[in-house]
């Protein structure tokens, strides 16, 4: 009984708040629209390339390790809060632990081990994800600009004449990427503006077509500022930097139309730099290139800003 004669315990308001907090957490967890099938991916979309499961595995492993560390830290906090709280009858200062070498060594060495493990798996997966084959099946030069995208299909298409290796529009691309271009690739292109929409889904942005089951190399160039090329269900993105060419490869393994966006704050209309990726059969992909040629979209649009001096020096050291 409390001093004023009431049976109300001072702990009841705390219990009520704890119950409310747990209820709110349960509502937030169940109101996200995720199903039990989505839960193992921890917020990631369903992978749609052969390389994406490696990224998903790294993501899941990172969360698992973070959860273990979190449970350990939360447990220690709760343990110290409950078992070393101030006594109502004793007012003396409890024994203090100082200069305990085993404990200090523990909280120094364990974080180093955790960071080293994270670094190892990240470096291992990064080296695999950025590995480039000598001869990819398809090469697409993705050109970012304020505020949309152009796609240069470096292909030998009937009705399009020229040579991508000697094209003035593709001068900004280093020779080490041009070496993998097909011979006599006249090519085709498609460009968008923020108001462009996909005719099937009505999603904003231009549409990049890719063949299912083929290894695709993206060669990323920019005309103005830094952008970032991100196809959401590919679980892979890379910066598009003026004066510096990046590249990566994926193998789409699922047909469909997927969303893409710029993941780098690039200016006032950054949020409008959207695009679509349509993965189709190789036959439909070839037909799409022929359709672009029939529309007169042959050759290539300018790839972007030429390489800077330091980048040229880097390329010469690589070669």
C-alpha atoms as a PDB file:
ATOM      1  CA  UNK A   1       0.000   0.000   0.000  1.00  0.00           C
ATOM      2  CA  UNK A   2       1.324   3.458  -0.888  1.00  0.00           C
ATOM      3  CA  UNK A   3       1.886   6.174   1.800  1.00  0.00           C
ATOM      4  CA  UNK A   4      -1.403   7.915   0.952  1.00  0.00           C
ATOM      5  CA  UNK A   5      -3.364   4.760   1.633  1.00  0.00           C
ATOM      6  CA  UNK A   6      -3.986   3.854  -1.996  1.00  0.00           C
ATOM      7  CA  UNK A   7      -3.468   0.342  -3.310  1.00  0.00           C
ATOM      8  CA  UNK A   8      -2.029   1.712  -6.559  1.00  0.00           C
ATOM      9  CA  UNK A   9       1.568   0.601  -6.999  1.00  0.00           C
ATOM     10  CA  UNK A  10       4.083   3.115  -8.386  1.00  0.00           C
ATOM     11  CA  UNK A  11       5.234   0.421 -10.781  1.00  0.00           C
ATOM     12  CA  UNK A  12       1.888   0.210 -12.583  1.00  0.00           C
ATOM     13  CA  UNK A  13       2.410   3.322 -14.775  1.00  0.00           C
ATOM     14  CA  UNK A  14       5.762   1.900 -15.877  1.00  0.00           C
ATOM     15  CA  UNK A  15       4.164  -1.442 -16.747  1.00  0.00           C
ATOM     16  CA  UNK A  16       1.407   0.352 -18.658  1.00  0.00           C
ATOM     17  CA  UNK A  17       3.978   2.317 -20.689  1.00  0.00           C
ATOM     18  CA  UNK A  18       5.939  -0.856 -21.402  1.00  0.00           C
ATOM     19  CA  UNK A  19       2.778  -2.588 -22.618  1.00  0.00           C
ATOM     20  CA  UNK A  20       1.947   0.385 -24.836  1.00  0.00           C
ATOM     21  CA  UNK A  21       5.465   0.384 -26.295  1.00  0.00           C
ATOM     22  CA  UNK A  22       5.282  -3.352 -27.060  1.00  0.00           C
ATOM     23  CA  UNK A  23       1.864  -2.902 -28.670  1.00  0.00           C
ATOM     24  CA  UNK A  24       3.157  -0.032 -30.832  1.00  0.00           C
ATOM     25  CA  UNK A  25       6.157  -2.134 -31.887  1.00  0.00           C
ATOM     26  CA  UNK A  26       3.880  -5.026 -32.818  1.00  0.00           C
ATOM     27  CA  UNK A  27       1.667  -2.712 -34.892  1.00  0.00           C
ATOM     28  CA  UNK A  28       4.693  -1.269 -36.727  1.00  0.00           C
ATOM     29  CA  UNK A  29       6.054  -4.748 -37.431  1.00  0.00           C
ATOM     30  CA  UNK A  30       2.756  -6.046 -38.807  1.00  0.00           C
ATOM     31  CA  UNK A  31       1.683  -2.914 -40.721  1.00  0.00           C
ATOM     32  CA  UNK A  32       4.598  -2.897 -43.171  1.00  0.00           C
ATOM     33  CA  UNK A  33       2.783  -5.107 -45.674  1.00  0.00           C
ATOM     34  CA  UNK A  34       5.471  -7.801 -45.551  1.00  0.00           C
ATOM     35  CA  UNK A  35       4.573 -11.487 -45.511  1.00  0.00           C
ATOM     36  CA  UNK A  36       6.453 -14.313 -43.850  1.00  0.00           C
ATOM     37  CA  UNK A  37       8.000 -15.122 -47.240  1.00  0.00           C
ATOM     38  CA  UNK A  38       9.410 -11.578 -47.393  1.00  0.00           C
ATOM     39  CA  UNK A  39      10.763 -11.589 -43.855  1.00  0.00           C
ATOM     40  CA  UNK A  40      13.963 -13.647 -44.534  1.00  0.00           C
ATOM     41  CA  UNK A  41      15.043 -11.018 -47.090  1.00  0.00           C
ATOM     42  CA  UNK A  42      14.907  -8.320 -44.374  1.00  0.00           C
ATOM     43  CA  UNK A  43      13.434  -5.615 -46.583  1.00  0.00           C
ATOM     44  CA  UNK A  44      15.239  -6.538 -49.796  1.00  0.00           C
ATOM     45  CA  UNK A  45      13.178  -7.201 -52.963  1.00  0.00           C
ATOM     46  CA  UNK A  46      13.169 -10.581 -54.662  1.00  0.00           C
ATOM     47  CA  UNK A  47      16.507 -10.958 -56.534  1.00  0.00           C
ATOM     48  CA  UNK A  48      16.212 -11.033 -60.330  1.00  0.00           C
ATOM     49  CA  UNK A  49      19.820 -11.694 -61.401  1.00  0.00           C
ATOM     50  CA  UNK A  50      22.253 -14.551 -60.889  1.00  0.00           C
ATOM     51  CA  UNK A  51      24.569 -12.256 -58.889  1.00  0.00           C
ATOM     52  CA  UNK A  52      21.932 -10.756 -56.576  1.00  0.00           C
ATOM     53  CA  UNK A  53      21.724 -13.725 -54.116  1.00  0.00           C
ATOM     54  CA  UNK A  54      25.353 -13.053 -53.142  1.00  0.00           C
ATOM     55  CA  UNK A  55      24.398  -9.485 -52.191  1.00  0.00           C
ATOM     56  CA  UNK A  56      21.327 -10.728 -50.335  1.00  0.00           C
ATOM     57  CA  UNK A  57      23.443 -13.231 -48.406  1.00  0.00           C
ATOM     58  CA  UNK A  58      25.863 -10.482 -47.343  1.00  0.00           C
ATOM     59  CA  UNK A  59      22.928  -8.323 -46.259  1.00  0.00           C
ATOM     60  CA  UNK A  60      21.388 -11.136 -44.205  1.00  0.00           C
ATOM     61  CA  UNK A  61      24.726 -12.028 -42.620  1.00  0.00           C
ATOM     62  CA  UNK A  62      25.308  -8.406 -41.623  1.00  0.00           C
ATOM     63  CA  UNK A  63      21.905  -8.227 -39.957  1.00  0.00           C
ATOM     64  CA  UNK A  64      22.466 -11.537 -38.164  1.00  0.00           C
ATOM     65  CA  UNK A  65      25.811 -10.348 -36.790  1.00  0.00           C
ATOM     66  CA  UNK A  66      24.313  -6.992 -35.788  1.00  0.00           C
ATOM     67  CA  UNK A  67      21.456  -8.765 -34.015  1.00  0.00           C
ATOM     68  CA  UNK A  68      23.859 -10.957 -32.029  1.00  0.00           C
ATOM     69  CA  UNK A  69      25.884  -7.915 -30.960  1.00  0.00           C
ATOM     70  CA  UNK A  70      22.693  -6.023 -30.177  1.00  0.00           C
ATOM     71  CA  UNK A  71      21.289  -8.807 -28.003  1.00  0.00           C
ATOM     72  CA  UNK A  72      24.598  -9.012 -26.113  1.00  0.00           C
ATOM     73  CA  UNK A  73      24.725  -5.244 -25.523  1.00  0.00           C
ATOM     74  CA  UNK A  74      21.042  -5.008 -24.578  1.00  0.00           C
ATOM     75  CA  UNK A  75      21.470  -7.948 -22.215  1.00  0.00           C
ATOM     76  CA  UNK A  76      24.418  -6.319 -20.474  1.00  0.00           C
ATOM     77  CA  UNK A  77      22.539  -3.020 -20.174  1.00  0.00           C
ATOM     78  CA  UNK A  78      19.455  -4.684 -18.686  1.00  0.00           C
ATOM     79  CA  UNK A  79      21.548  -6.861 -16.394  1.00  0.00           C
ATOM     80  CA  UNK A  80      23.442  -3.868 -14.994  1.00  0.00           C
ATOM     81  CA  UNK A  81      20.229  -1.813 -14.731  1.00  0.00           C
ATOM     82  CA  UNK A  82      18.320  -4.463 -12.780  1.00  0.00           C
ATOM     83  CA  UNK A  83      21.004  -6.130 -10.689  1.00  0.00           C
ATOM     84  CA  UNK A  84      23.112  -3.062  -9.915  1.00  0.00           C
ATOM     85  CA  UNK A  85      20.397  -0.482  -9.398  1.00  0.00           C
ATOM     86  CA  UNK A  86      20.550   1.746  -6.378  1.00  0.00           C
ATOM     87  CA  UNK A  87      19.338   0.123  -3.187  1.00  0.00           C
ATOM     88  CA  UNK A  88      16.490   1.781  -1.277  1.00  0.00           C
ATOM     89  CA  UNK A  89      18.103   0.977   2.088  1.00  0.00           C
ATOM     90  CA  UNK A  90      21.806   1.324   1.319  1.00  0.00           C
ATOM     91  CA  UNK A  91      23.348   4.560   0.164  1.00  0.00           C
ATOM     92  CA  UNK A  92      27.008   3.626  -0.077  1.00  0.00           C
ATOM     93  CA  UNK A  93      28.795   3.639  -3.429  1.00  0.00           C
ATOM     94  CA  UNK A  94      29.042   0.084  -4.815  1.00  0.00           C
ATOM     95  CA  UNK A  95      32.465  -1.440  -5.569  1.00  0.00           C
ATOM     96  CA  UNK A  96      34.068   0.112  -8.665  1.00  0.00           C
ATOM     97  CA  UNK A  97      35.917  -1.932 -11.292  1.00  0.00           C
ATOM     98  CA  UNK A  98      38.898  -0.090 -12.785  1.00  0.00           C
ATOM     99  CA  UNK A  99      41.953  -1.048 -14.769  1.00  0.00           C
ATOM    100  CA  UNK A 100      40.680  -4.570 -15.311  1.00  0.00           C
ATOM    101  CA  UNK A 101      43.006  -5.715 -18.087  1.00  0.00           C
ATOM    102  CA  UNK A 102      41.009  -8.814 -19.175  1.00  0.00           C
ATOM    103  CA  UNK A 103      37.841  -6.736 -19.566  1.00  0.00           C
ATOM    104  CA  UNK A 104      39.650  -3.901 -21.398  1.00  0.00           C
ATOM    105  CA  UNK A 105      41.329  -6.395 -23.712  1.00  0.00           C
ATOM    106  CA  UNK A 106      37.947  -8.031 -24.359  1.00  0.00           C
ATOM    107  CA  UNK A 107      36.138  -4.872 -25.442  1.00  0.00           C
ATOM    108  CA  UNK A 108      39.132  -3.884 -27.608  1.00  0.00           C
ATOM    109  CA  UNK A 109      39.785  -7.207 -29.334  1.00  0.00           C
ATOM    110  CA  UNK A 110      36.177  -8.308 -29.920  1.00  0.00           C
ATOM    111  CA  UNK A 111      35.197  -5.202 -31.981  1.00  0.00           C
ATOM    112  CA  UNK A 112      38.371  -5.622 -34.046  1.00  0.00           C
ATOM    113  CA  UNK A 113      37.426  -9.225 -34.778  1.00  0.00           C
ATOM    114  CA  UNK A 114      33.874  -8.204 -35.735  1.00  0.00           C
ATOM    115  CA  UNK A 115      35.092  -5.463 -38.101  1.00  0.00           C
ATOM    116  CA  UNK A 116      37.684  -7.816 -39.625  1.00  0.00           C
ATOM    117  CA  UNK A 117      35.025 -10.447 -40.363  1.00  0.00           C
ATOM    118  CA  UNK A 118      32.773  -7.802 -41.952  1.00  0.00           C
ATOM    119  CA  UNK A 119      35.695  -6.551 -44.044  1.00  0.00           C
ATOM    120  CA  UNK A 120      36.622 -10.049 -45.241  1.00  0.00           C
ATOM    121  CA  UNK A 121      33.155 -10.997 -46.490  1.00  0.00           C
ATOM    122  CA  UNK A 122      32.574  -7.559 -48.015  1.00  0.00           C
ATOM    123  CA  UNK A 123      35.901  -7.591 -49.887  1.00  0.00           C
ATOM    124  CA  UNK A 124      35.318 -11.183 -51.038  1.00  0.00           C
ATOM    125  CA  UNK A 125      31.858 -10.457 -52.442  1.00  0.00           C
ATOM    126  CA  UNK A 126      32.857  -7.082 -53.903  1.00  0.00           C
ATOM    127  CA  UNK A 127      35.692  -8.637 -55.901  1.00  0.00           C
ATOM    128  CA  UNK A 128      33.286 -11.206 -57.348  1.00  0.00           C
ATOM    129  CA  UNK A 129      30.542  -8.703 -58.124  1.00  0.00           C
ATOM    130  CA  UNK A 130      32.911  -6.311 -59.929  1.00  0.00           C
ATOM    131  CA  UNK A 131      34.625  -9.022 -61.944  1.00  0.00           C
ATOM    132  CA  UNK A 132      34.376  -8.378 -65.706  1.00  0.00           C
ATOM    133  CA  UNK A 133      34.360 -11.105 -68.329  1.00  0.00           C
ATOM    134  CA  UNK A 134      36.479 -10.725 -71.461  1.00  0.00           C
ATOM    135  CA  UNK A 135      33.483 -10.942 -73.780  1.00  0.00           C
ATOM    136  CA  UNK A 136      30.077 -10.177 -72.239  1.00  0.00           C
ATOM    137  CA  UNK A 137      27.004 -11.170 -74.234  1.00  0.00           C
ATOM    138  CA  UNK A 138      25.543  -7.644 -74.221  1.00  0.00           C
ATOM    139  CA  UNK A 139      27.099  -4.225 -73.586  1.00  0.00           C
ATOM    140  CA  UNK A 140      25.017  -1.172 -72.715  1.00  0.00           C
ATOM    141  CA  UNK A 141      26.508   2.290 -72.226  1.00  0.00           C
ATOM    142  CA  UNK A 142      24.319   3.984 -69.597  1.00  0.00           C
ATOM    143  CA  UNK A 143      24.554   7.776 -69.861  1.00  0.00           C
ATOM    144  CA  UNK A 144      23.309   9.801 -66.909  1.00  0.00           C
ATOM    145  CA  UNK A 145      22.402  13.450 -67.239  1.00  0.00           C
ATOM    146  CA  UNK A 146      20.210  16.001 -65.516  1.00  0.00           C
ATOM    147  CA  UNK A 147      17.449  14.753 -65.356  1.00  0.00           C
ATOM    148  CA  UNK A 148      17.121  11.414 -67.137  1.00  0.00           C
ATOM    149  CA  UNK A 149      18.995   8.585 -68.862  1.00  0.00           C
ATOM    150  CA  UNK A 150      20.184   7.476 -72.292  1.00  0.00           C
ATOM    151  CA  UNK A 151      20.996   3.888 -73.212  1.00  0.00           C
ATOM    152  CA  UNK A 152      23.517   3.114 -75.948  1.00  0.00           C
ATOM    153  CA  UNK A 153      23.101  -0.496 -77.087  1.00  0.00           C
ATOM    154  CA  UNK A 154      26.558  -1.482 -78.324  1.00  0.00           C
ATOM    155  CA  UNK A 155      25.340  -4.118 -80.776  1.00  0.00           C
ATOM    156  CA  UNK A 156      25.721  -5.130 -84.392  1.00  0.00           C
ATOM    157  CA  UNK A 157      22.162  -4.463 -85.537  1.00  0.00           C
ATOM    158  CA  UNK A 158      20.862  -4.892 -89.070  1.00  0.00           C
ATOM    159  CA  UNK A 159      20.368  -1.495 -90.669  1.00  0.00           C
ATOM    160  CA  UNK A 160      22.838   0.317 -88.407  1.00  0.00           C
ATOM    161  CA  UNK A 161      26.341   0.902 -89.737  1.00  0.00           C
ATOM    162  CA  UNK A 162      29.424   2.083 -87.904  1.00  0.00           C
ATOM    163  CA  UNK A 163      32.019   0.915 -85.407  1.00  0.00           C
ATOM    164  CA  UNK A 164      31.599   1.508 -81.693  1.00  0.00           C
ATOM    165  CA  UNK A 165      35.348   1.193 -81.131  1.00  0.00           C
ATOM    166  CA  UNK A 166      35.969   4.233 -83.357  1.00  0.00           C
ATOM    167  CA  UNK A 167      32.801   6.213 -82.627  1.00  0.00           C
ATOM    168  CA  UNK A 168      33.402   9.840 -81.648  1.00  0.00           C
ATOM    169  CA  UNK A 169      30.318   9.729 -79.441  1.00  0.00           C
ATOM    170  CA  UNK A 170      31.945   7.000 -77.312  1.00  0.00           C
ATOM    171  CA  UNK A 171      35.383   8.649 -76.993  1.00  0.00           C
ATOM    172  CA  UNK A 172      34.856   9.130 -73.263  1.00  0.00           C
ATOM    173  CA  UNK A 173      34.886   5.350 -72.725  1.00  0.00           C
ATOM    174  CA  UNK A 174      38.372   3.893 -72.006  1.00  0.00           C
ATOM    175  CA  UNK A 175      39.929   1.479 -74.474  1.00  0.00           C
ATOM    176  CA  UNK A 176      39.932  -1.368 -71.967  1.00  0.00           C
ATOM    177  CA  UNK A 177      36.130  -1.393 -72.186  1.00  0.00           C
ATOM    178  CA  UNK A 178      36.065  -0.831 -75.935  1.00  0.00           C
ATOM    179  CA  UNK A 179      38.164  -3.962 -76.447  1.00  0.00           C
ATOM    180  CA  UNK A 180      35.077  -6.009 -75.527  1.00  0.00           C
ATOM    181  CA  UNK A 181      32.819  -4.186 -78.017  1.00  0.00           C
ATOM    182  CA  UNK A 182      31.546  -6.347 -80.909  1.00  0.00           C
ATOM    183  CA  UNK A 183      33.148  -5.763 -84.295  1.00  0.00           C
ATOM    184  CA  UNK A 184      31.357  -3.285 -86.574  1.00  0.00           C
ATOM    185  CA  UNK A 185      28.779  -2.474 -83.914  1.00  0.00           C
ATOM    186  CA  UNK A 186      26.677   0.297 -85.438  1.00  0.00           C
ATOM    187  CA  UNK A 187      24.430   0.250 -82.402  1.00  0.00           C
ATOM    188  CA  UNK A 188      21.137   1.801 -81.408  1.00  0.00           C
ATOM    189  CA  UNK A 189      20.100   4.155 -78.643  1.00  0.00           C
ATOM    190  CA  UNK A 190      17.130   5.221 -76.567  1.00  0.00           C
ATOM    191  CA  UNK A 191      16.872   8.437 -74.546  1.00  0.00           C
ATOM    192  CA  UNK A 192      14.367   9.695 -72.046  1.00  0.00           C
ATOM    193  CA  UNK A 193      13.195  12.835 -70.317  1.00  0.00           C
ATOM    194  CA  UNK A 194      11.569  13.083 -66.872  1.00  0.00           C
ATOM    195  CA  UNK A 195       8.146  12.965 -68.543  1.00  0.00           C
ATOM    196  CA  UNK A 196       8.813   9.707 -70.429  1.00  0.00           C
ATOM    197  CA  UNK A 197       6.669   6.750 -69.331  1.00  0.00           C
ATOM    198  CA  UNK A 198       6.716   3.016 -69.900  1.00  0.00           C
ATOM    199  CA  UNK A 199       3.819   2.201 -72.276  1.00  0.00           C
ATOM    200  CA  UNK A 200       2.907  -1.048 -70.479  1.00  0.00           C
ATOM    201  CA  UNK A 201       3.146  -0.055 -66.800  1.00  0.00           C
ATOM    202  CA  UNK A 202       2.883   3.742 -67.126  1.00  0.00           C
ATOM    203  CA  UNK A 203       5.820   4.018 -64.741  1.00  0.00           C
ATOM    204  CA  UNK A 204       7.887   7.192 -65.269  1.00  0.00           C
ATOM    205  CA  UNK A 205      11.233   7.219 -67.067  1.00  0.00           C
ATOM    206  CA  UNK A 206      12.720   5.607 -70.184  1.00  0.00           C
ATOM    207  CA  UNK A 207      12.875   1.820 -70.488  1.00  0.00           C
ATOM    208  CA  UNK A 208      16.077  -0.181 -70.770  1.00  0.00           C
ATOM    209  CA  UNK A 209      15.590  -3.549 -72.485  1.00  0.00           C
ATOM    210  CA  UNK A 210      17.734  -6.540 -71.496  1.00  0.00           C
ATOM    211  CA  UNK A 211      17.764 -10.205 -72.609  1.00  0.00           C
ATOM    212  CA  UNK A 212      17.097 -12.894 -70.023  1.00  0.00           C
ATOM    213  CA  UNK A 213      19.937 -15.330 -69.369  1.00  0.00           C
ATOM    214  CA  UNK A 214      22.601 -13.174 -71.054  1.00  0.00           C
ATOM    215  CA  UNK A 215      25.552 -11.583 -69.245  1.00  0.00           C
ATOM    216  CA  UNK A 216      25.119  -7.825 -69.537  1.00  0.00           C
ATOM    217  CA  UNK A 217      27.888  -5.281 -69.010  1.00  0.00           C
ATOM    218  CA  UNK A 218      26.865  -1.767 -68.009  1.00  0.00           C
ATOM    219  CA  UNK A 219      29.408   0.922 -68.898  1.00  0.00           C
ATOM    220  CA  UNK A 220      28.469   3.993 -66.876  1.00  0.00           C
ATOM    221  CA  UNK A 221      29.253   7.553 -68.005  1.00  0.00           C
ATOM    222  CA  UNK A 222      27.921  10.991 -67.088  1.00  0.00           C
ATOM    223  CA  UNK A 223      27.436  14.227 -68.965  1.00  0.00           C
ATOM    224  CA  UNK A 224      27.375  16.579 -66.000  1.00  0.00           C
ATOM    225  CA  UNK A 225      27.409  15.590 -62.299  1.00  0.00           C
ATOM    226  CA  UNK A 226      27.644  12.410 -60.260  1.00  0.00           C
ATOM    227  CA  UNK A 227      24.627  10.121 -60.570  1.00  0.00           C
ATOM    228  CA  UNK A 228      24.100   6.538 -59.422  1.00  0.00           C
ATOM    229  CA  UNK A 229      22.639   3.732 -61.547  1.00  0.00           C
ATOM    230  CA  UNK A 230      20.408   1.500 -59.409  1.00  0.00           C
ATOM    231  CA  UNK A 231      18.071  -1.235 -60.621  1.00  0.00           C
ATOM    232  CA  UNK A 232      16.253  -2.049 -57.379  1.00  0.00           C
ATOM    233  CA  UNK A 233      15.676  -5.843 -57.722  1.00  0.00           C
ATOM    234  CA  UNK A 234      19.215  -6.318 -59.101  1.00  0.00           C
ATOM    235  CA  UNK A 235      20.378  -5.326 -55.570  1.00  0.00           C
ATOM    236  CA  UNK A 236      23.326  -3.624 -57.266  1.00  0.00           C
ATOM    237  CA  UNK A 237      24.139   0.009 -57.908  1.00  0.00           C
ATOM    238  CA  UNK A 238      27.195   1.973 -58.937  1.00  0.00           C
ATOM    239  CA  UNK A 239      28.111   5.639 -59.245  1.00  0.00           C
ATOM    240  CA  UNK A 240      28.004   7.364 -62.639  1.00  0.00           C
ATOM    241  CA  UNK A 241      30.875   9.843 -62.446  1.00  0.00           C
ATOM    242  CA  UNK A 242      31.845  12.532 -65.001  1.00  0.00           C
ATOM    243  CA  UNK A 243      35.372  11.965 -66.260  1.00  0.00           C
ATOM    244  CA  UNK A 244      35.548   8.498 -64.704  1.00  0.00           C
ATOM    245  CA  UNK A 245      34.053   5.343 -66.211  1.00  0.00           C
ATOM    246  CA  UNK A 246      32.617   2.570 -64.039  1.00  0.00           C
ATOM    247  CA  UNK A 247      31.347  -0.822 -65.156  1.00  0.00           C
ATOM    248  CA  UNK A 248      29.723  -3.928 -63.741  1.00  0.00           C
ATOM    249  CA  UNK A 249      27.998  -7.023 -65.088  1.00  0.00           C
ATOM    250  CA  UNK A 250      24.828  -8.926 -64.240  1.00  0.00           C
ATOM    251  CA  UNK A 251      22.894 -11.832 -65.715  1.00  0.00           C
ATOM    252  CA  UNK A 252      19.114 -11.228 -65.519  1.00  0.00           C
ATOM    253  CA  UNK A 253      17.285 -14.488 -64.824  1.00  0.00           C
ATOM    254  CA  UNK A 254      13.676 -13.379 -64.564  1.00  0.00           C
ATOM    255  CA  UNK A 255      11.469 -11.694 -67.147  1.00  0.00           C
ATOM    256  CA  UNK A 256       9.473  -8.649 -66.160  1.00  0.00           C
ATOM    257  CA  UNK A 257       9.573  -4.875 -65.873  1.00  0.00           C
ATOM    258  CA  UNK A 258      11.479  -3.518 -62.888  1.00  0.00           C
ATOM    259  CA  UNK A 259      12.056  -0.074 -61.407  1.00  0.00           C
ATOM    260  CA  UNK A 260      15.332   1.815 -61.503  1.00  0.00           C
ATOM    261  CA  UNK A 261      16.385   5.169 -60.124  1.00  0.00           C
ATOM    262  CA  UNK A 262      19.277   7.516 -59.475  1.00  0.00           C
ATOM    263  CA  UNK A 263      20.605   6.812 -55.975  1.00  0.00           C
ATOM    264  CA  UNK A 264      22.886   9.868 -55.747  1.00  0.00           C
ATOM    265  CA  UNK A 265      21.549  13.328 -54.872  1.00  0.00           C
ATOM    266  CA  UNK A 266      22.348  15.090 -58.137  1.00  0.00           C
ATOM    267  CA  UNK A 267      20.347  18.290 -58.026  1.00  0.00           C
ATOM    268  CA  UNK A 268      16.908  19.828 -57.811  1.00  0.00           C
ATOM    269  CA  UNK A 269      15.119  17.213 -59.943  1.00  0.00           C
ATOM    270  CA  UNK A 270      17.026  14.190 -58.635  1.00  0.00           C
ATOM    271  CA  UNK A 271      13.754  12.499 -57.620  1.00  0.00           C
ATOM    272  CA  UNK A 272      12.599  12.512 -61.257  1.00  0.00           C
ATOM    273  CA  UNK A 273      15.612  10.548 -62.529  1.00  0.00           C
ATOM    274  CA  UNK A 274      13.675   7.298 -62.806  1.00  0.00           C
ATOM    275  CA  UNK A 275      13.832   4.540 -65.403  1.00  0.00           C
ATOM    276  CA  UNK A 276      12.506   1.060 -66.092  1.00  0.00           C
ATOM    277  CA  UNK A 277      14.271  -2.182 -66.938  1.00  0.00           C
ATOM    278  CA  UNK A 278      12.374  -4.633 -69.119  1.00  0.00           C
ATOM    279  CA  UNK A 279      13.866  -8.135 -69.147  1.00  0.00           C
ATOM    280  CA  UNK A 280      12.614 -10.178 -72.099  1.00  0.00           C
ATOM    281  CA  UNK A 281      13.628 -13.201 -74.131  1.00  0.00           C
ATOM    282  CA  UNK A 282      16.723 -12.821 -76.358  1.00  0.00           C
ATOM    283  CA  UNK A 283      14.462 -12.879 -79.427  1.00  0.00           C
ATOM    284  CA  UNK A 284      12.307 -10.005 -78.200  1.00  0.00           C
ATOM    285  CA  UNK A 285      15.445  -8.096 -77.251  1.00  0.00           C
ATOM    286  CA  UNK A 286      16.832  -8.398 -80.785  1.00  0.00           C
ATOM    287  CA  UNK A 287      13.487  -7.316 -82.180  1.00  0.00           C
ATOM    288  CA  UNK A 288      13.481  -4.253 -79.937  1.00  0.00           C
ATOM    289  CA  UNK A 289      16.870  -3.179 -81.315  1.00  0.00           C
ATOM    290  CA  UNK A 290      15.519  -3.564 -84.854  1.00  0.00           C
ATOM    291  CA  UNK A 291      12.525  -1.434 -83.872  1.00  0.00           C
ATOM    292  CA  UNK A 292      14.874   1.304 -82.643  1.00  0.00           C
ATOM    293  CA  UNK A 293      16.703   1.194 -85.978  1.00  0.00           C
ATOM    294  CA  UNK A 294      13.397   1.525 -87.843  1.00  0.00           C
ATOM    295  CA  UNK A 295      12.666   4.645 -85.795  1.00  0.00           C
ATOM    296  CA  UNK A 296      15.986   6.104 -86.920  1.00  0.00           C
ATOM    297  CA  UNK A 297      17.645   5.754 -83.499  1.00  0.00           C
ATOM    298  CA  UNK A 298      20.875   4.380 -84.921  1.00  0.00           C
ATOM    299  CA  UNK A 299      24.405   4.983 -83.720  1.00  0.00           C
ATOM    300  CA  UNK A 300      25.101   6.438 -80.287  1.00  0.00           C
ATOM    301  CA  UNK A 301      24.404   9.540 -78.267  1.00  0.00           C
ATOM    302  CA  UNK A 302      27.465  11.254 -76.691  1.00  0.00           C
ATOM    303  CA  UNK A 303      28.627   9.179 -73.755  1.00  0.00           C
ATOM    304  CA  UNK A 304      29.566  12.125 -71.611  1.00  0.00           C
ATOM    305  CA  UNK A 305      32.553  14.015 -70.228  1.00  0.00           C
ATOM    306  CA  UNK A 306      35.952  12.753 -71.358  1.00  0.00           C
ATOM    307  CA  UNK A 307      38.328  11.172 -68.911  1.00  0.00           C
ATOM    308  CA  UNK A 308      40.222  13.434 -66.548  1.00  0.00           C
ATOM    309  CA  UNK A 309      44.029  13.457 -66.441  1.00  0.00           C
ATOM    310  CA  UNK A 310      44.303  11.371 -63.249  1.00  0.00           C
ATOM    311  CA  UNK A 311      41.855   8.850 -64.670  1.00  0.00           C
ATOM    312  CA  UNK A 312      43.888   8.528 -67.872  1.00  0.00           C
ATOM    313  CA  UNK A 313      46.996   7.936 -65.777  1.00  0.00           C
ATOM    314  CA  UNK A 314      45.158   5.266 -63.818  1.00  0.00           C
ATOM    315  CA  UNK A 315      44.055   3.578 -67.018  1.00  0.00           C
ATOM    316  CA  UNK A 316      47.613   3.556 -68.370  1.00  0.00           C
ATOM    317  CA  UNK A 317      48.841   1.928 -65.148  1.00  0.00           C
ATOM    318  CA  UNK A 318      46.143  -0.734 -65.385  1.00  0.00           C
ATOM    319  CA  UNK A 319      46.997  -1.505 -68.989  1.00  0.00           C
END
